[in-house]
């Protein structure tokens, strides 16, 4: 299962692959599922 994230402020988009059992949590908290490389970019914004 995957979840698409769109940051309307910055225009950045990314897609997360998450286990189906975690889909609702990932939808509500997508930044909890990003990897360290993407986290560095997200925190810099």
C-alpha atoms as a PDB file:
ATOM      1  CA  UNK A   1       0.000   0.000   0.000  1.00  0.00           C
ATOM      2  CA  UNK A   2       1.220   3.517  -0.635  1.00  0.00           C
ATOM      3  CA  UNK A   3       0.281   6.999   0.503  1.00  0.00           C
ATOM      4  CA  UNK A   4       0.966  10.163  -1.507  1.00  0.00           C
ATOM      5  CA  UNK A   5       1.896  13.287   0.458  1.00  0.00           C
ATOM      6  CA  UNK A   6       1.596  16.809  -0.936  1.00  0.00           C
ATOM      7  CA  UNK A   7       2.939  19.786   0.999  1.00  0.00           C
ATOM      8  CA  UNK A   8       0.764  22.615  -0.272  1.00  0.00           C
ATOM      9  CA  UNK A   9       3.053  25.252   1.188  1.00  0.00           C
ATOM     10  CA  UNK A  10       6.287  24.111  -0.486  1.00  0.00           C
ATOM     11  CA  UNK A  11       4.791  22.154  -3.376  1.00  0.00           C
ATOM     12  CA  UNK A  12       6.931  19.125  -2.505  1.00  0.00           C
ATOM     13  CA  UNK A  13       5.392  15.709  -3.033  1.00  0.00           C
ATOM     14  CA  UNK A  14       6.473  12.201  -2.148  1.00  0.00           C
ATOM     15  CA  UNK A  15       5.020   8.734  -1.902  1.00  0.00           C
ATOM     16  CA  UNK A  16       5.372   6.331   1.016  1.00  0.00           C
ATOM     17  CA  UNK A  17       5.131   2.563   0.908  1.00  0.00           C
ATOM     18  CA  UNK A  18       3.573   1.352   4.153  1.00  0.00           C
ATOM     19  CA  UNK A  19       2.211  -1.959   5.391  1.00  0.00           C
ATOM     20  CA  UNK A  20      -1.570  -2.151   4.991  1.00  0.00           C
ATOM     21  CA  UNK A  21      -2.047  -2.547   8.737  1.00  0.00           C
ATOM     22  CA  UNK A  22      -0.306   0.826   9.277  1.00  0.00           C
ATOM     23  CA  UNK A  23      -2.077   2.719   6.484  1.00  0.00           C
ATOM     24  CA  UNK A  24      -4.397   4.818   8.665  1.00  0.00           C
ATOM     25  CA  UNK A  25      -1.594   5.816  11.034  1.00  0.00           C
ATOM     26  CA  UNK A  26       0.680   6.674   8.095  1.00  0.00           C
ATOM     27  CA  UNK A  27      -2.104   8.728   6.522  1.00  0.00           C
ATOM     28  CA  UNK A  28      -2.532  10.730   9.719  1.00  0.00           C
ATOM     29  CA  UNK A  29       1.224  10.983  10.472  1.00  0.00           C
ATOM     30  CA  UNK A  30       3.093  10.663   7.148  1.00  0.00           C
ATOM     31  CA  UNK A  31       6.314  12.253   8.393  1.00  0.00           C
ATOM     32  CA  UNK A  32       6.677   9.413  10.906  1.00  0.00           C
ATOM     33  CA  UNK A  33       7.311   7.090   7.930  1.00  0.00           C
ATOM     34  CA  UNK A  34       9.860   9.033   5.898  1.00  0.00           C
ATOM     35  CA  UNK A  35      13.472   7.880   5.809  1.00  0.00           C
ATOM     36  CA  UNK A  36      16.345   9.867   7.292  1.00  0.00           C
ATOM     37  CA  UNK A  37      17.329  11.375   3.923  1.00  0.00           C
ATOM     38  CA  UNK A  38      13.843  12.764   3.369  1.00  0.00           C
ATOM     39  CA  UNK A  39      13.554  13.830   7.038  1.00  0.00           C
ATOM     40  CA  UNK A  40      16.573  16.104   6.636  1.00  0.00           C
ATOM     41  CA  UNK A  41      14.896  17.844   3.688  1.00  0.00           C
ATOM     42  CA  UNK A  42      11.538  18.067   5.478  1.00  0.00           C
ATOM     43  CA  UNK A  43      13.096  19.607   8.582  1.00  0.00           C
ATOM     44  CA  UNK A  44      15.026  22.133   6.494  1.00  0.00           C
ATOM     45  CA  UNK A  45      11.800  23.525   4.990  1.00  0.00           C
END
